[in-house]
PDB file of N, CA and C in Angstrom:
ATOM      1  N   MET A   1      72.848   4.228  37.922  1.00  0.00           N
ATOM      2  CA  MET A   1      73.401   4.892  36.831  1.00  0.00           C
ATOM      3  C   MET A   1      73.021   4.234  35.516  1.00  0.00           C
ATOM      4  N   SER A   2      72.391   5.049  34.645  1.00  0.00           N
ATOM      5  CA  SER A   2      71.929   4.449  33.321  1.00  0.00           C
ATOM      6  C   SER A   2      73.106   4.182  32.379  1.00  0.00           C
ATOM      7  N   LYS A   3      72.854   3.074  31.565  1.00  0.00           N
ATOM      8  CA  LYS A   3      73.832   2.804  30.630  1.00  0.00           C
ATOM      9  C   LYS A   3      73.540   3.645  29.396  1.00  0.00           C
ATOM     10  N   PRO A   4      74.640   3.974  28.584  1.00  0.00           N
ATOM     11  CA  PRO A   4      74.426   4.872  27.441  1.00  0.00           C
ATOM     12  C   PRO A   4      73.724   4.095  26.363  1.00  0.00           C
ATOM     13  N   ILE A   5      72.835   4.939  25.666  1.00  0.00           N
ATOM     14  CA  ILE A   5      71.996   4.541  24.548  1.00  0.00           C
ATOM     15  C   ILE A   5      72.966   4.351  23.428  1.00  0.00           C
ATOM     16  N   ILE A   6      72.857   3.033  22.818  1.00  0.00           N
ATOM     17  CA  ILE A   6      73.797   2.808  21.664  1.00  0.00           C
ATOM     18  C   ILE A   6      73.096   2.629  20.370  1.00  0.00           C
ATOM     19  N   LYS A   7      71.715   2.481  20.554  1.00  0.00           N
ATOM     20  CA  LYS A   7      70.978   2.324  19.272  1.00  0.00           C
ATOM     21  C   LYS A   7      69.540   2.809  19.566  1.00  0.00           C
ATOM     22  N   LYS A   8      68.834   3.256  18.613  1.00  0.00           N
ATOM     23  CA  LYS A   8      67.454   3.550  18.865  1.00  0.00           C
ATOM     24  C   LYS A   8      66.686   2.767  17.803  1.00  0.00           C
ATOM     25  N   SER A   9      65.491   2.377  18.159  1.00  0.00           N
ATOM     26  CA  SER A   9      64.505   1.781  17.188  1.00  0.00           C
ATOM     27  C   SER A   9      63.168   2.589  17.153  1.00  0.00           C
ATOM     28  N   VAL A  10      62.550   2.579  16.011  1.00  0.00           N
ATOM     29  CA  VAL A  10      61.325   3.210  15.817  1.00  0.00           C
ATOM     30  C   VAL A  10      60.239   2.261  15.421  1.00  0.00           C
ATOM     31  N   ILE A  11      59.140   2.329  16.172  1.00  0.00           N
ATOM     32  CA  ILE A  11      57.900   1.481  15.832  1.00  0.00           C
ATOM     33  C   ILE A  11      56.865   2.428  15.485  1.00  0.00           C
ATOM     34  N   GLU A  12      56.189   2.350  14.275  1.00  0.00           N
ATOM     35  CA  GLU A  12      55.082   3.124  13.798  1.00  0.00           C
ATOM     36  C   GLU A  12      53.883   2.290  13.749  1.00  0.00           C
ATOM     37  N   ILE A  13      52.714   2.813  14.185  1.00  0.00           N
ATOM     38  CA  ILE A  13      51.477   2.162  13.961  1.00  0.00           C
ATOM     39  C   ILE A  13      50.510   3.250  13.395  1.00  0.00           C
ATOM     40  N   GLU A  14      49.881   2.650  12.256  1.00  0.00           N
ATOM     41  CA  GLU A  14      49.002   3.548  11.521  1.00  0.00           C
ATOM     42  C   GLU A  14      47.459   2.877  11.590  1.00  0.00           C
ATOM     43  N   ILE A  15      46.568   3.692  12.028  1.00  0.00           N
ATOM     44  CA  ILE A  15      45.270   3.165  12.256  1.00  0.00           C
ATOM     45  C   ILE A  15      44.284   3.953  11.210  1.00  0.00           C
ATOM     46  N   GLY A  16      43.528   3.120  10.395  1.00  0.00           N
ATOM     47  CA  GLY A  16      42.618   3.751   9.508  1.00  0.00           C
ATOM     48  C   GLY A  16      41.170   3.564  10.193  1.00  0.00           C
ATOM     49  N   LEU A  17      40.535   4.728  10.406  1.00  0.00           N
ATOM     50  CA  LEU A  17      39.264   4.807  11.005  1.00  0.00           C
ATOM     51  C   LEU A  17      38.097   4.978  10.063  1.00  0.00           C
ATOM     52  N   ASN A  18      37.028   4.501  10.322  1.00  0.00           N
ATOM     53  CA  ASN A  18      35.764   4.636   9.569  1.00  0.00           C
ATOM     54  C   ASN A  18      35.044   5.958  10.050  1.00  0.00           C
ATOM     55  N   GLU A  19      33.825   6.157   9.578  1.00  0.00           N
ATOM     56  CA  GLU A  19      33.097   7.414   9.912  1.00  0.00           C
ATOM     57  C   GLU A  19      32.723   7.384  11.439  1.00  0.00           C
ATOM     58  N   GLU A  20      32.542   6.296  12.129  1.00  0.00           N
ATOM     59  CA  GLU A  20      32.246   6.171  13.501  1.00  0.00           C
ATOM     60  C   GLU A  20      33.470   6.132  14.279  1.00  0.00           C
ATOM     61  N   LYS A  21      34.680   6.316  13.717  1.00  0.00           N
ATOM     62  CA  LYS A  21      35.979   6.392  14.347  1.00  0.00           C
ATOM     63  C   LYS A  21      36.323   5.073  14.977  1.00  0.00           C
ATOM     64  N   HIS A  22      35.856   3.902  14.246  1.00  0.00           N
ATOM     65  CA  HIS A  22      36.330   2.608  14.660  1.00  0.00           C
ATOM     66  C   HIS A  22      37.321   2.080  13.684  1.00  0.00           C
ATOM     67  N   PRO A  23      38.280   1.344  14.173  1.00  0.00           N
ATOM     68  CA  PRO A  23      39.436   0.903  13.287  1.00  0.00           C
ATOM     69  C   PRO A  23      38.979  -0.012  12.196  1.00  0.00           C
ATOM     70  N   GLU A  24      39.307   0.393  10.954  1.00  0.00           N
ATOM     71  CA  GLU A  24      39.078  -0.502   9.796  1.00  0.00           C
ATOM     72  C   GLU A  24      40.325  -1.206   9.437  1.00  0.00           C
ATOM     73  N   THR A  25      41.482  -0.578   9.571  1.00  0.00           N
ATOM     74  CA  THR A  25      42.786  -1.086   9.164  1.00  0.00           C
ATOM     75  C   THR A  25      43.798  -0.743  10.297  1.00  0.00           C
ATOM     76  N   ILE A  26      44.768  -1.613  10.447  1.00  0.00           N
ATOM     77  CA  ILE A  26      45.923  -1.440  11.440  1.00  0.00           C
ATOM     78  C   ILE A  26      47.124  -1.893  10.680  1.00  0.00           C
ATOM     79  N   HIS A  27      48.051  -1.021  10.590  1.00  0.00           N
ATOM     80  CA  HIS A  27      49.349  -1.305   9.978  1.00  0.00           C
ATOM     81  C   HIS A  27      50.458  -0.876  10.877  1.00  0.00           C
ATOM     82  N   TRP A  28      51.524  -1.587  10.936  1.00  0.00           N
ATOM     83  CA  TRP A  28      52.665  -1.341  11.744  1.00  0.00           C
ATOM     84  C   TRP A  28      53.906  -1.545  10.989  1.00  0.00           C
ATOM     85  N   LYS A  29      55.063  -0.832  11.453  1.00  0.00           N
ATOM     86  CA  LYS A  29      56.347  -1.161  10.866  1.00  0.00           C
ATOM     87  C   LYS A  29      57.435  -0.761  11.987  1.00  0.00           C
ATOM     88  N   SER A  30      58.609  -1.348  11.901  1.00  0.00           N
ATOM     89  CA  SER A  30      59.535  -1.093  12.774  1.00  0.00           C
ATOM     90  C   SER A  30      60.890  -0.962  12.033  1.00  0.00           C
ATOM     91  N   THR A  31      61.855  -0.228  12.567  1.00  0.00           N
ATOM     92  CA  THR A  31      63.139  -0.145  11.871  1.00  0.00           C
ATOM     93  C   THR A  31      63.984  -1.534  12.070  1.00  0.00           C
ATOM     94  N   ASP A  32      63.495  -2.258  13.043  1.00  0.00           N
ATOM     95  CA  ASP A  32      64.188  -3.555  13.361  1.00  0.00           C
ATOM     96  C   ASP A  32      63.518  -4.769  12.838  1.00  0.00           C
ATOM     97  N   ASN A  33      62.370  -4.517  11.956  1.00  0.00           N
ATOM     98  CA  ASN A  33      61.648  -5.729  11.453  1.00  0.00           C
ATOM     99  C   ASN A  33      62.513  -6.424  10.494  1.00  0.00           C
ATOM    100  N   THR A  34      62.713  -7.751  10.732  1.00  0.00           N
ATOM    101  CA  THR A  34      63.455  -8.540   9.736  1.00  0.00           C
ATOM    102  C   THR A  34      62.705  -8.756   8.512  1.00  0.00           C
ATOM    103  N   ASN A  35      61.498  -8.571   8.386  1.00  0.00           N
ATOM    104  CA  ASN A  35      60.675  -8.805   7.151  1.00  0.00           C
ATOM    105  C   ASN A  35      60.641  -7.673   6.212  1.00  0.00           C
ATOM    106  N   GLY A  36      61.417  -6.621   6.434  1.00  0.00           N
ATOM    107  CA  GLY A  36      61.469  -5.542   5.681  1.00  0.00           C
ATOM    108  C   GLY A  36      61.055  -4.239   6.401  1.00  0.00           C
ATOM    109  N   GLN A  37      61.106  -3.113   5.730  1.00  0.00           N
ATOM    110  CA  GLN A  37      60.913  -1.772   6.302  1.00  0.00           C
ATOM    111  C   GLN A  37      59.458  -1.317   6.047  1.00  0.00           C
ATOM    112  N   GLY A  38      58.650  -1.996   5.238  1.00  0.00           N
ATOM    113  CA  GLY A  38      57.418  -1.529   4.883  1.00  0.00           C
ATOM    114  C   GLY A  38      56.378  -1.908   6.054  1.00  0.00           C
ATOM    115  N   PHE A  39      55.161  -1.419   5.881  1.00  0.00           N
ATOM    116  CA  PHE A  39      54.013  -1.577   6.867  1.00  0.00           C
ATOM    117  C   PHE A  39      53.490  -2.994   6.576  1.00  0.00           C
ATOM    118  N   THR A  40      53.127  -3.654   7.757  1.00  0.00           N
ATOM    119  CA  THR A  40      52.455  -4.893   7.808  1.00  0.00           C
ATOM    120  C   THR A  40      51.098  -4.728   8.290  1.00  0.00           C
ATOM    121  N   GLU A  41      50.098  -5.455   7.767  1.00  0.00           N
ATOM    122  CA  GLU A  41      48.747  -5.290   8.186  1.00  0.00           C
ATOM    123  C   GLU A  41      48.479  -6.284   9.384  1.00  0.00           C
ATOM    124  N   CYS A  42      47.675  -5.958  10.378  1.00  0.00           N
ATOM    125  CA  CYS A  42      47.237  -6.824  11.412  1.00  0.00           C
ATOM    126  C   CYS A  42      45.739  -6.423  11.666  1.00  0.00           C
ATOM    127  N   LYS A  43      45.065  -7.300  12.489  1.00  0.00           N
ATOM    128  CA  LYS A  43      43.702  -7.225  12.642  1.00  0.00           C
ATOM    129  C   LYS A  43      43.452  -6.683  14.100  1.00  0.00           C
ATOM    130  N   GLY A  44      44.408  -6.749  15.057  1.00  0.00           N
ATOM    131  CA  GLY A  44      44.273  -6.359  16.394  1.00  0.00           C
ATOM    132  C   GLY A  44      45.624  -5.971  17.041  1.00  0.00           C
ATOM    133  N   MET A  45      45.607  -5.165  18.019  1.00  0.00           N
ATOM    134  CA  MET A  45      46.827  -4.796  18.815  1.00  0.00           C
ATOM    135  C   MET A  45      46.492  -4.501  20.095  1.00  0.00           C
ATOM    136  N   MET A  46      47.337  -4.675  21.058  1.00  0.00           N
ATOM    137  CA  MET A  46      47.393  -4.288  22.497  1.00  0.00           C
ATOM    138  C   MET A  46      48.594  -3.707  22.769  1.00  0.00           C
ATOM    139  N   LEU A  47      48.557  -2.488  23.342  1.00  0.00           N
ATOM    140  CA  LEU A  47      49.739  -1.749  23.640  1.00  0.00           C
ATOM    141  C   LEU A  47      49.545  -1.231  25.180  1.00  0.00           C
ATOM    142  N   SER A  48      50.571  -1.661  25.961  1.00  0.00           N
ATOM    143  CA  SER A  48      50.567  -1.217  27.408  1.00  0.00           C
ATOM    144  C   SER A  48      51.881  -0.487  27.634  1.00  0.00           C
ATOM    145  N   LEU A  49      51.731   0.638  28.396  1.00  0.00           N
ATOM    146  CA  LEU A  49      52.860   1.541  28.627  1.00  0.00           C
ATOM    147  C   LEU A  49      52.781   1.792  30.169  1.00  0.00           C
ATOM    148  N   PHE A  50      53.863   1.556  30.943  1.00  0.00           N
ATOM    149  CA  PHE A  50      53.872   1.881  32.331  1.00  0.00           C
ATOM    150  C   PHE A  50      54.590   3.244  32.464  1.00  0.00           C
ATOM    151  N   ASP A  51      53.755   4.217  33.084  1.00  0.00           N
ATOM    152  CA  ASP A  51      54.118   5.589  33.186  1.00  0.00           C
ATOM    153  C   ASP A  51      55.188   5.630  34.268  1.00  0.00           C
ATOM    154  N   LYS A  52      56.312   6.190  34.120  1.00  0.00           N
ATOM    155  CA  LYS A  52      57.381   6.238  35.033  1.00  0.00           C
ATOM    156  C   LYS A  52      57.023   7.093  36.212  1.00  0.00           C
ATOM    157  N   ASP A  53      56.440   8.278  35.969  1.00  0.00           N
ATOM    158  CA  ASP A  53      56.137   9.044  37.186  1.00  0.00           C
ATOM    159  C   ASP A  53      54.850   8.831  37.882  1.00  0.00           C
ATOM    160  N   TYR A  54      53.819   8.549  37.129  1.00  0.00           N
ATOM    161  CA  TYR A  54      52.501   8.217  37.743  1.00  0.00           C
ATOM    162  C   TYR A  54      52.260   6.843  38.348  1.00  0.00           C
ATOM    163  N   LYS A  55      53.193   5.872  37.762  1.00  0.00           N
ATOM    164  CA  LYS A  55      53.230   4.493  38.281  1.00  0.00           C
ATOM    165  C   LYS A  55      51.814   3.860  37.834  1.00  0.00           C
ATOM    166  N   ASP A  56      51.348   4.242  36.729  1.00  0.00           N
ATOM    167  CA  ASP A  56      50.002   3.770  36.176  1.00  0.00           C
ATOM    168  C   ASP A  56      50.275   3.206  34.715  1.00  0.00           C
ATOM    169  N   THR A  57      49.462   2.315  34.366  1.00  0.00           N
ATOM    170  CA  THR A  57      49.595   1.700  33.048  1.00  0.00           C
ATOM    171  C   THR A  57      48.572   2.379  32.077  1.00  0.00           C
ATOM    172  N   LEU A  58      49.085   2.841  30.963  1.00  0.00           N
ATOM    173  CA  LEU A  58      48.297   3.418  29.898  1.00  0.00           C
ATOM    174  C   LEU A  58      48.164   2.261  28.800  1.00  0.00           C
ATOM    175  N   LYS A  59      47.015   2.148  28.246  1.00  0.00           N
ATOM    176  CA  LYS A  59      46.867   1.044  27.305  1.00  0.00           C
ATOM    177  C   LYS A  59      45.937   1.408  26.138  1.00  0.00           C
ATOM    178  N   ILE A  60      46.228   0.807  25.050  1.00  0.00           N
ATOM    179  CA  ILE A  60      45.462   0.925  23.797  1.00  0.00           C
ATOM    180  C   ILE A  60      45.195  -0.369  23.341  1.00  0.00           C
ATOM    181  N   ASP A  61      43.863  -0.713  23.206  1.00  0.00           N
ATOM    182  CA  ASP A  61      43.446  -2.054  22.792  1.00  0.00           C
ATOM    183  C   ASP A  61      42.638  -1.774  21.509  1.00  0.00           C
ATOM    184  N   LEU A  62      42.970  -2.179  20.261  1.00  0.00           N
ATOM    185  CA  LEU A  62      42.286  -1.966  19.035  1.00  0.00           C
ATOM    186  C   LEU A  62      42.235  -3.183  18.190  1.00  0.00           C
ATOM    187  N   TRP A  63      40.969  -3.386  17.576  1.00  0.00           N
ATOM    188  CA  TRP A  63      40.868  -4.421  16.640  1.00  0.00           C
ATOM    189  C   TRP A  63      39.958  -3.972  15.504  1.00  0.00           C
ATOM    190  N   THR A  64      40.153  -4.566  14.333  1.00  0.00           N
ATOM    191  CA  THR A  64      39.297  -4.101  13.108  1.00  0.00           C
ATOM    192  C   THR A  64      37.962  -4.884  13.200  1.00  0.00           C
ATOM    193  N   SER A  65      37.043  -4.399  12.212  1.00  0.00           N
ATOM    194  CA  SER A  65      35.865  -4.997  12.114  1.00  0.00           C
ATOM    195  C   SER A  65      35.935  -6.467  11.446  1.00  0.00           C
ATOM    196  N   GLU A  66      37.073  -6.636  10.770  1.00  0.00           N
ATOM    197  CA  GLU A  66      37.293  -7.843  10.161  1.00  0.00           C
ATOM    198  C   GLU A  66      37.707  -9.015  11.112  1.00  0.00           C
ATOM    199  N   MET A  67      38.036  -8.692  12.347  1.00  0.00           N
ATOM    200  CA  MET A  67      38.535  -9.733  13.321  1.00  0.00           C
ATOM    201  C   MET A  67      37.331 -10.511  13.783  1.00  0.00           C
ATOM    202  N   GLN A  68      37.410 -11.780  13.631  1.00  0.00           N
ATOM    203  CA  GLN A  68      36.427 -12.790  13.998  1.00  0.00           C
ATOM    204  C   GLN A  68      36.557 -13.212  15.476  1.00  0.00           C
ATOM    205  N   VAL A  69      35.483 -13.516  16.068  1.00  0.00           N
ATOM    206  CA  VAL A  69      35.506 -14.039  17.497  1.00  0.00           C
ATOM    207  C   VAL A  69      36.598 -15.139  17.776  1.00  0.00           C
ATOM    208  N   VAL A  70      36.665 -16.047  16.830  1.00  0.00           N
ATOM    209  CA  VAL A  70      37.580 -17.192  16.912  1.00  0.00           C
ATOM    210  C   VAL A  70      39.108 -16.606  16.903  1.00  0.00           C
ATOM    211  N   GLU A  71      39.280 -15.567  16.050  1.00  0.00           N
ATOM    212  CA  GLU A  71      40.600 -14.936  16.020  1.00  0.00           C
ATOM    213  C   GLU A  71      40.930 -14.185  17.324  1.00  0.00           C
ATOM    214  N   MET A  72      39.887 -13.505  17.790  1.00  0.00           N
ATOM    215  CA  MET A  72      40.036 -12.737  19.125  1.00  0.00           C
ATOM    216  C   MET A  72      40.355 -13.711  20.295  1.00  0.00           C
ATOM    217  N   ASP A  73      39.732 -14.898  20.251  1.00  0.00           N
ATOM    218  CA  ASP A  73      40.012 -15.963  21.246  1.00  0.00           C
ATOM    219  C   ASP A  73      41.547 -16.367  21.193  1.00  0.00           C
ATOM    220  N   ARG A  74      41.968 -16.611  19.854  1.00  0.00           N
ATOM    221  CA  ARG A  74      43.364 -16.967  19.820  1.00  0.00           C
ATOM    222  C   ARG A  74      44.251 -15.805  20.189  1.00  0.00           C
ATOM    223  N   PHE A  75      44.012 -14.610  19.788  1.00  0.00           N
ATOM    224  CA  PHE A  75      44.766 -13.425  20.170  1.00  0.00           C
ATOM    225  C   PHE A  75      44.902 -13.337  21.661  1.00  0.00           C
ATOM    226  N   MET A  76      43.894 -13.343  22.310  1.00  0.00           N
ATOM    227  CA  MET A  76      43.831 -13.290  23.785  1.00  0.00           C
ATOM    228  C   MET A  76      44.602 -14.462  24.356  1.00  0.00           C
ATOM    229  N   PHE A  77      44.435 -15.631  23.876  1.00  0.00           N
ATOM    230  CA  PHE A  77      44.993 -16.867  24.349  1.00  0.00           C
ATOM    231  C   PHE A  77      46.559 -16.630  24.329  1.00  0.00           C
ATOM    232  N   GLN A  78      47.048 -16.292  23.047  1.00  0.00           N
ATOM    233  CA  GLN A  78      48.485 -16.023  22.922  1.00  0.00           C
ATOM    234  C   GLN A  78      49.068 -14.876  23.730  1.00  0.00           C
ATOM    235  N   THR A  79      48.202 -13.856  23.939  1.00  0.00           N
ATOM    236  CA  THR A  79      48.722 -12.648  24.714  1.00  0.00           C
ATOM    237  C   THR A  79      48.778 -13.024  26.180  1.00  0.00           C
ATOM    238  N   LEU A  80      47.804 -13.852  26.684  1.00  0.00           N
ATOM    239  CA  LEU A  80      47.727 -14.276  28.043  1.00  0.00           C
ATOM    240  C   LEU A  80      49.039 -15.246  28.335  1.00  0.00           C
ATOM    241  N   ARG A  81      49.229 -16.115  27.503  1.00  0.00           N
ATOM    242  CA  ARG A  81      50.429 -17.022  27.541  1.00  0.00           C
ATOM    243  C   ARG A  81      51.777 -16.210  27.502  1.00  0.00           C
ATOM    244  N   ALA A  82      51.783 -15.189  26.680  1.00  0.00           N
ATOM    245  CA  ALA A  82      53.018 -14.427  26.649  1.00  0.00           C
ATOM    246  C   ALA A  82      53.165 -13.612  28.050  1.00  0.00           C
ATOM    247  N   LEU A  83      52.057 -13.179  28.475  1.00  0.00           N
ATOM    248  CA  LEU A  83      52.128 -12.308  29.731  1.00  0.00           C
ATOM    249  C   LEU A  83      52.632 -13.239  30.933  1.00  0.00           C
ATOM    250  N   ALA A  84      52.224 -14.438  30.964  1.00  0.00           N
ATOM    251  CA  ALA A  84      52.760 -15.321  31.961  1.00  0.00           C
ATOM    252  C   ALA A  84      54.294 -15.543  31.823  1.00  0.00           C
ATOM    253  N   ASP A  85      54.647 -15.702  30.535  1.00  0.00           N
ATOM    254  CA  ASP A  85      56.080 -15.860  30.288  1.00  0.00           C
ATOM    255  C   ASP A  85      56.884 -14.576  30.670  1.00  0.00           C
ATOM    256  N   THR A  86      56.386 -13.380  30.216  1.00  0.00           N
ATOM    257  CA  THR A  86      56.960 -12.123  30.527  1.00  0.00           C
ATOM    258  C   THR A  86      57.079 -11.922  32.018  1.00  0.00           C
ATOM    259  N   TYR A  87      56.033 -12.163  32.780  1.00  0.00           N
ATOM    260  CA  TYR A  87      55.901 -12.077  34.291  1.00  0.00           C
ATOM    261  C   TYR A  87      57.087 -12.781  34.865  1.00  0.00           C
ATOM    262  N   PHE A  88      57.252 -14.100  34.355  1.00  0.00           N
ATOM    263  CA  PHE A  88      58.388 -14.931  34.988  1.00  0.00           C
ATOM    264  C   PHE A  88      59.702 -14.380  34.738  1.00  0.00           C
ATOM    265  N   LYS A  89      59.968 -13.936  33.489  1.00  0.00           N
ATOM    266  CA  LYS A  89      61.147 -13.441  33.134  1.00  0.00           C
ATOM    267  C   LYS A  89      61.523 -12.147  33.954  1.00  0.00           C
ATOM    268  N   ALA A  90      60.494 -11.390  34.202  1.00  0.00           N
ATOM    269  CA  ALA A  90      60.714 -10.101  34.975  1.00  0.00           C
ATOM    270  C   ALA A  90      60.862 -10.173  36.481  1.00  0.00           C
ATOM    271  N   THR A  91      60.114 -11.264  36.944  1.00  0.00           N
ATOM    272  CA  THR A  91      60.001 -11.443  38.411  1.00  0.00           C
ATOM    273  C   THR A  91      60.820 -12.765  38.973  1.00  0.00           C
ATOM    274  N   ASN A  92      60.931 -13.652  38.085  1.00  0.00           N
ATOM    275  CA  ASN A  92      61.453 -14.978  38.519  1.00  0.00           C
ATOM    276  C   ASN A  92      60.476 -15.691  39.598  1.00  0.00           C
ATOM    277  N   ASN A  93      59.289 -15.218  39.515  1.00  0.00           N
ATOM    278  CA  ASN A  93      58.245 -15.829  40.513  1.00  0.00           C
ATOM    279  C   ASN A  93      57.552 -17.021  39.724  1.00  0.00           C
ATOM    280  N   GLN A  94      58.142 -18.121  39.881  1.00  0.00           N
ATOM    281  CA  GLN A  94      57.660 -19.462  39.198  1.00  0.00           C
ATOM    282  C   GLN A  94      56.326 -19.766  39.650  1.00  0.00           C
ATOM    283  N   GLN A  95      56.012 -19.713  40.863  1.00  0.00           N
ATOM    284  CA  GLN A  95      54.700 -20.151  41.404  1.00  0.00           C
ATOM    285  C   GLN A  95      53.576 -19.297  40.803  1.00  0.00           C
ATOM    286  N   LEU A  96      53.607 -17.990  40.855  1.00  0.00           N
ATOM    287  CA  LEU A  96      52.561 -17.164  40.252  1.00  0.00           C
ATOM    288  C   LEU A  96      52.558 -17.301  38.776  1.00  0.00           C
ATOM    289  N   SER A  97      53.687 -17.419  38.081  1.00  0.00           N
ATOM    290  CA  SER A  97      53.706 -17.603  36.686  1.00  0.00           C
ATOM    291  C   SER A  97      52.966 -18.875  36.355  1.00  0.00           C
ATOM    292  N   ASN A  98      53.238 -19.984  37.081  1.00  0.00           N
ATOM    293  CA  ASN A  98      52.564 -21.268  36.844  1.00  0.00           C
ATOM    294  C   ASN A  98      50.973 -21.134  37.059  1.00  0.00           C
ATOM    295  N   ASP A  99      50.678 -20.355  38.074  1.00  0.00           N
ATOM    296  CA  ASP A  99      49.222 -20.043  38.312  1.00  0.00           C
ATOM    297  C   ASP A  99      48.641 -19.362  37.181  1.00  0.00           C
ATOM    298  N   MET A 100      49.358 -18.340  36.637  1.00  0.00           N
ATOM    299  CA  MET A 100      48.810 -17.619  35.493  1.00  0.00           C
ATOM    300  C   MET A 100      48.767 -18.627  34.327  1.00  0.00           C
ATOM    301  N   GLN A 101      49.601 -19.401  34.095  1.00  0.00           N
ATOM    302  CA  GLN A 101      49.526 -20.446  33.016  1.00  0.00           C
ATOM    303  C   GLN A 101      48.302 -21.405  33.182  1.00  0.00           C
ATOM    304  N   LEU A 102      48.079 -21.780  34.396  1.00  0.00           N
ATOM    305  CA  LEU A 102      46.833 -22.597  34.598  1.00  0.00           C
ATOM    306  C   LEU A 102      45.544 -21.916  34.029  1.00  0.00           C
ATOM    307  N   PHE A 103      45.451 -20.578  34.316  1.00  0.00           N
ATOM    308  CA  PHE A 103      44.466 -19.873  33.704  1.00  0.00           C
ATOM    309  C   PHE A 103      44.328 -19.913  32.205  1.00  0.00           C
ATOM    310  N   VAL A 104      45.516 -19.635  31.657  1.00  0.00           N
ATOM    311  CA  VAL A 104      45.827 -19.696  30.203  1.00  0.00           C
ATOM    312  C   VAL A 104      45.340 -21.016  29.597  1.00  0.00           C
ATOM    313  N   ASP A 105      45.719 -22.133  30.248  1.00  0.00           N
ATOM    314  CA  ASP A 105      45.179 -23.396  29.835  1.00  0.00           C
ATOM    315  C   ASP A 105      43.704 -23.459  29.923  1.00  0.00           C
ATOM    316  N   TYR A 106      43.068 -23.080  30.958  1.00  0.00           N
ATOM    317  CA  TYR A 106      41.598 -23.108  31.161  1.00  0.00           C
ATOM    318  C   TYR A 106      40.949 -22.292  30.044  1.00  0.00           C
ATOM    319  N   PHE A 107      41.487 -21.127  29.786  1.00  0.00           N
ATOM    320  CA  PHE A 107      41.028 -20.197  28.699  1.00  0.00           C
ATOM    321  C   PHE A 107      41.029 -21.008  27.363  1.00  0.00           C
ATOM    322  N   GLY A 108      42.227 -21.506  27.142  1.00  0.00           N
ATOM    323  CA  GLY A 108      42.394 -22.261  25.816  1.00  0.00           C
ATOM    324  C   GLY A 108      41.468 -23.421  25.727  1.00  0.00           C
ATOM    325  N   LYS A 109      41.118 -24.177  26.710  1.00  0.00           N
ATOM    326  CA  LYS A 109      40.202 -25.224  26.669  1.00  0.00           C
ATOM    327  C   LYS A 109      38.751 -24.726  26.529  1.00  0.00           C
ATOM    328  N   GLN A 110      38.401 -23.615  27.203  1.00  0.00           N
ATOM    329  CA  GLN A 110      37.064 -23.032  27.142  1.00  0.00           C
ATOM    330  C   GLN A 110      36.761 -22.449  25.695  1.00  0.00           C
ATOM    331  N   THR A 111      37.748 -21.945  25.055  1.00  0.00           N
ATOM    332  CA  THR A 111      37.557 -21.340  23.760  1.00  0.00           C
ATOM    333  C   THR A 111      37.782 -22.413  22.629  1.00  0.00           C
ATOM    334  N   GLY A 112      38.255 -23.610  22.902  1.00  0.00           N
ATOM    335  CA  GLY A 112      38.441 -24.490  21.891  1.00  0.00           C
ATOM    336  C   GLY A 112      39.912 -24.458  21.330  1.00  0.00           C
ATOM    337  N   ILE A 113      40.688 -23.630  21.740  1.00  0.00           N
ATOM    338  CA  ILE A 113      42.007 -23.510  21.152  1.00  0.00           C
ATOM    339  C   ILE A 113      42.884 -24.786  21.536  1.00  0.00           C
ATOM    340  N   ILE A 114      42.672 -25.180  22.799  1.00  0.00           N
ATOM    341  CA  ILE A 114      43.311 -26.450  23.365  1.00  0.00           C
ATOM    342  C   ILE A 114      42.180 -27.427  23.430  1.00  0.00           C
ATOM    343  N   GLU A 115      42.465 -28.702  22.857  1.00  0.00           N
ATOM    344  CA  GLU A 115      41.418 -29.701  22.917  1.00  0.00           C
ATOM    345  C   GLU A 115      41.418 -30.321  24.297  1.00  0.00           C
ATOM    346  N   SER A 116      40.269 -30.436  24.939  1.00  0.00           N
ATOM    347  CA  SER A 116      40.121 -30.970  26.239  1.00  0.00           C
ATOM    348  C   SER A 116      40.429 -32.474  26.160  1.00  0.00           C
ATOM    349  N   GLU A 117      40.970 -33.000  27.163  1.00  0.00           N
ATOM    350  CA  GLU A 117      41.309 -34.386  27.196  1.00  0.00           C
ATOM    351  C   GLU A 117      40.068 -35.232  27.655  1.00  0.00           C
ATOM    352  N   PRO A 118      39.653 -36.261  26.925  1.00  0.00           N
ATOM    353  CA  PRO A 118      38.438 -37.029  27.425  1.00  0.00           C
ATOM    354  C   PRO A 118      38.702 -37.541  28.715  1.00  0.00           C
ATOM    355  N   GLU A 119      37.455 -37.575  29.442  1.00  0.00           N
ATOM    356  CA  GLU A 119      37.545 -38.021  30.786  1.00  0.00           C
ATOM    357  C   GLU A 119      37.224 -39.491  30.883  1.00  0.00           C
TER     358      GLU A 119
END
């Protein structure tokens, strides 16, 4: 039995495309944003939705032409770290979450986000 909905939130995403239909600007806003109700600019986004009926993931990954490789590395590192945390919260599977975090650490070292310890 579902619990009654007591509040709704709205998230808006606005994408500005160039002639080739590549993102030049990405802005978002949310009714729950503590930083105000206006749009906030970002350089990249990843949105994943799990379809209830088809049991399949729908996803949108966008980044602007301004996003540098070093910024993409950091964006992916932070996203992977958050995915490991989310997976643990959702499943309580500590072992697999730890294994995921080992890859995040490897990724961070390979991209220079985490400094490797001298041998």
